[in-house]
């Protein structure tokens, strides 16, 4: 992989490359800051789908209030 290829990077993130292509992509990532940042951003964005975020300073739920008052 001598030139930047976003499709190839997506295949790397999706683990759809054979070993030789993975090694080529990793070699390219060692030399190319732009592609390395792109892989980081894509990986981070995809990982966000696995996390559930709570609102800060949200009111406690009714169940939590009843547990607090009965304790």
N, C-alpha and C. Protein backbone atom coordinates (compact mmCIF):
# COMPACT_ATOMS: atom_id res chain seq x y z
N UNK A 1 0.86 -1.17 0.00
CA UNK A 1 0.00 0.00 0.00
C UNK A 1 0.90 1.23 0.00
N UNK A 2 1.25 1.69 -1.15
CA UNK A 2 2.15 2.82 -1.25
C UNK A 2 1.40 4.15 -1.20
N UNK A 3 0.15 4.15 -1.62
CA UNK A 3 -0.63 5.38 -1.61
C UNK A 3 -1.76 5.25 -0.59
N UNK A 4 -2.29 6.38 -0.16
CA UNK A 4 -3.39 6.37 0.81
C UNK A 4 -4.64 5.78 0.17
N UNK A 5 -5.29 4.91 0.91
CA UNK A 5 -6.52 4.29 0.43
C UNK A 5 -7.48 4.13 1.60
N UNK A 6 -8.49 4.99 1.64
CA UNK A 6 -9.44 4.96 2.75
C UNK A 6 -10.20 3.64 2.77
N UNK A 7 -10.52 3.09 1.60
CA UNK A 7 -11.21 1.80 1.54
C UNK A 7 -10.36 0.70 2.18
N UNK A 8 -9.08 0.71 1.91
CA UNK A 8 -8.18 -0.28 2.50
C UNK A 8 -8.11 -0.12 4.01
N UNK A 9 -8.12 1.13 4.48
CA UNK A 9 -8.09 1.38 5.92
C UNK A 9 -9.36 0.89 6.59
N UNK A 10 -10.50 1.09 5.93
CA UNK A 10 -11.76 0.57 6.48
C UNK A 10 -11.74 -0.96 6.54
N UNK A 11 -11.17 -1.58 5.54
CA UNK A 11 -11.05 -3.03 5.56
C UNK A 11 -10.14 -3.48 6.70
N UNK A 12 -9.11 -2.71 6.98
CA UNK A 12 -8.22 -3.02 8.10
C UNK A 12 -8.97 -2.92 9.43
N UNK A 13 -9.74 -1.86 9.60
CA UNK A 13 -10.51 -1.68 10.83
C UNK A 13 -11.55 -2.78 10.97
N UNK A 14 -12.15 -3.19 9.86
CA UNK A 14 -13.17 -4.24 9.89
C UNK A 14 -12.57 -5.64 9.92
N UNK A 15 -11.25 -5.73 9.94
CA UNK A 15 -10.52 -7.00 9.97
C UNK A 15 -10.87 -7.90 8.79
N UNK A 16 -10.89 -7.31 7.61
CA UNK A 16 -11.23 -8.04 6.39
C UNK A 16 -10.04 -8.20 5.44
N UNK A 17 -8.84 -7.91 5.93
CA UNK A 17 -7.65 -8.04 5.10
C UNK A 17 -6.88 -9.30 5.47
N UNK A 18 -6.27 -9.91 4.45
CA UNK A 18 -5.39 -11.05 4.74
C UNK A 18 -4.09 -10.53 5.37
N UNK A 19 -3.26 -11.41 5.81
CA UNK A 19 -2.07 -11.03 6.56
C UNK A 19 -1.13 -10.12 5.77
N UNK A 20 -0.92 -10.43 4.50
CA UNK A 20 -0.02 -9.59 3.69
C UNK A 20 -0.55 -8.17 3.55
N UNK A 21 -1.85 -8.05 3.30
CA UNK A 21 -2.45 -6.72 3.17
C UNK A 21 -2.44 -5.97 4.50
N UNK A 22 -2.63 -6.68 5.61
CA UNK A 22 -2.56 -6.05 6.93
C UNK A 22 -1.17 -5.46 7.16
N UNK A 23 -0.15 -6.26 6.84
CA UNK A 23 1.22 -5.78 7.03
C UNK A 23 1.52 -4.57 6.17
N UNK A 24 1.02 -4.56 4.93
CA UNK A 24 1.19 -3.39 4.07
C UNK A 24 0.51 -2.17 4.67
N UNK A 25 -0.70 -2.38 5.18
CA UNK A 25 -1.44 -1.25 5.76
C UNK A 25 -0.75 -0.73 7.01
N UNK A 26 -0.27 -1.62 7.88
CA UNK A 26 0.44 -1.19 9.08
C UNK A 26 1.74 -0.46 8.73
N UNK A 27 2.42 -0.93 7.71
CA UNK A 27 3.63 -0.25 7.26
C UNK A 27 3.30 1.16 6.78
N UNK A 28 2.20 1.28 6.05
CA UNK A 28 1.77 2.59 5.56
C UNK A 28 1.40 3.49 6.74
N UNK A 29 0.71 2.94 7.74
CA UNK A 29 0.31 3.73 8.90
C UNK A 29 1.51 4.25 9.68
N UNK A 30 2.61 3.50 9.66
CA UNK A 30 3.83 3.96 10.32
C UNK A 30 4.38 5.23 9.68
N UNK A 31 4.13 5.38 8.40
CA UNK A 31 4.71 6.51 7.66
C UNK A 31 3.73 7.65 7.42
N UNK A 32 2.43 7.40 7.53
CA UNK A 32 1.42 8.39 7.12
C UNK A 32 0.58 8.84 8.32
N UNK A 33 0.81 10.07 8.76
CA UNK A 33 0.06 10.61 9.89
C UNK A 33 -1.42 10.78 9.58
N UNK A 34 -1.74 11.15 8.36
CA UNK A 34 -3.13 11.39 7.98
C UNK A 34 -3.94 10.09 8.07
N UNK A 35 -3.41 9.02 7.53
CA UNK A 35 -4.12 7.74 7.57
C UNK A 35 -4.20 7.20 9.00
N UNK A 36 -3.15 7.40 9.77
CA UNK A 36 -3.15 6.95 11.16
C UNK A 36 -4.24 7.68 11.94
N UNK A 37 -4.39 8.99 11.71
CA UNK A 37 -5.46 9.75 12.36
C UNK A 37 -6.83 9.29 11.88
N UNK A 38 -6.94 8.97 10.59
CA UNK A 38 -8.22 8.51 10.05
C UNK A 38 -8.64 7.19 10.69
N UNK A 39 -7.70 6.26 10.86
CA UNK A 39 -8.00 4.99 11.50
C UNK A 39 -8.42 5.21 12.95
N UNK A 40 -7.73 6.11 13.63
CA UNK A 40 -8.08 6.42 15.01
C UNK A 40 -9.50 6.98 15.09
N UNK A 41 -9.83 7.92 14.22
CA UNK A 41 -11.16 8.55 14.24
C UNK A 41 -12.26 7.53 13.92
N UNK A 42 -12.05 6.71 12.91
CA UNK A 42 -13.06 5.70 12.55
C UNK A 42 -13.25 4.71 13.69
N UNK A 43 -12.16 4.26 14.28
CA UNK A 43 -12.25 3.32 15.40
C UNK A 43 -12.97 3.94 16.58
N UNK A 44 -12.65 5.18 16.89
CA UNK A 44 -13.29 5.86 18.01
C UNK A 44 -14.78 6.06 17.76
N UNK A 45 -15.14 6.47 16.55
CA UNK A 45 -16.55 6.68 16.23
C UNK A 45 -17.35 5.39 16.29
N UNK A 46 -16.76 4.31 15.86
CA UNK A 46 -17.46 3.02 15.91
C UNK A 46 -17.59 2.52 17.34
N UNK A 47 -16.60 2.79 18.17
CA UNK A 47 -16.66 2.36 19.57
C UNK A 47 -17.72 3.11 20.35
N UNK A 48 -18.03 4.34 19.96
CA UNK A 48 -19.04 5.12 20.67
C UNK A 48 -20.39 4.45 20.62
N UNK A 49 -20.65 3.65 19.59
CA UNK A 49 -21.94 2.96 19.49
C UNK A 49 -22.10 1.91 20.58
N UNK A 50 -21.01 1.47 21.19
CA UNK A 50 -21.08 0.43 22.21
C UNK A 50 -21.25 0.99 23.62
N UNK A 51 -21.14 2.30 23.78
CA UNK A 51 -21.23 2.89 25.10
C UNK A 51 -22.56 3.61 25.27
N UNK A 52 -23.10 3.55 26.47
CA UNK A 52 -24.32 4.28 26.80
C UNK A 52 -23.93 5.42 27.71
N UNK A 53 -24.26 6.62 27.30
CA UNK A 53 -23.89 7.79 28.08
C UNK A 53 -25.08 8.28 28.88
N UNK A 54 -24.85 8.65 30.12
CA UNK A 54 -25.89 9.23 30.96
C UNK A 54 -25.74 10.74 30.93
N UNK A 55 -26.88 11.40 31.03
CA UNK A 55 -26.84 12.86 31.09
C UNK A 55 -26.24 13.27 32.42
N UNK A 56 -25.44 14.28 32.40
CA UNK A 56 -24.87 14.81 33.63
C UNK A 56 -25.94 15.63 34.35
N UNK A 57 -25.94 15.53 35.65
CA UNK A 57 -26.87 16.27 36.49
C UNK A 57 -28.32 15.92 36.20
N UNK A 58 -28.57 14.69 35.78
CA UNK A 58 -29.93 14.25 35.51
C UNK A 58 -30.61 13.91 36.83
N UNK A 59 -31.90 14.06 36.84
CA UNK A 59 -32.68 13.72 38.03
C UNK A 59 -32.63 12.21 38.24
N UNK A 60 -32.53 11.75 39.49
CA UNK A 60 -32.56 10.30 39.73
C UNK A 60 -33.90 9.72 39.30
N UNK A 61 -33.88 8.48 38.93
CA UNK A 61 -35.12 7.85 38.49
C UNK A 61 -36.04 7.61 39.69
N UNK A 62 -37.28 7.30 39.43
CA UNK A 62 -38.27 7.04 40.49
C UNK A 62 -37.84 5.86 41.34
N UNK A 63 -37.29 4.83 40.71
CA UNK A 63 -36.84 3.66 41.45
C UNK A 63 -35.73 4.04 42.42
N UNK A 64 -34.81 4.84 42.00
CA UNK A 64 -33.73 5.25 42.89
C UNK A 64 -34.28 6.10 44.05
N UNK A 65 -35.26 6.94 43.79
CA UNK A 65 -35.85 7.77 44.85
C UNK A 65 -36.55 6.90 45.89
N UNK A 66 -37.27 5.87 45.42
CA UNK A 66 -37.97 5.02 46.38
C UNK A 66 -37.00 4.21 47.20
N UNK A 67 -35.86 3.81 46.61
CA UNK A 67 -34.86 3.07 47.37
C UNK A 67 -34.20 3.97 48.40
N UNK A 68 -34.01 5.24 48.06
CA UNK A 68 -33.37 6.18 48.99
C UNK A 68 -34.29 6.46 50.18
N UNK A 69 -35.59 6.66 49.90
CA UNK A 69 -36.52 7.02 50.97
C UNK A 69 -36.85 5.84 51.87
N UNK A 70 -36.76 4.61 51.36
CA UNK A 70 -37.06 3.43 52.20
C UNK A 70 -35.86 3.00 53.02
N UNK A 71 -34.71 3.47 52.68
CA UNK A 71 -33.50 3.04 53.40
C UNK A 71 -33.32 3.71 54.72
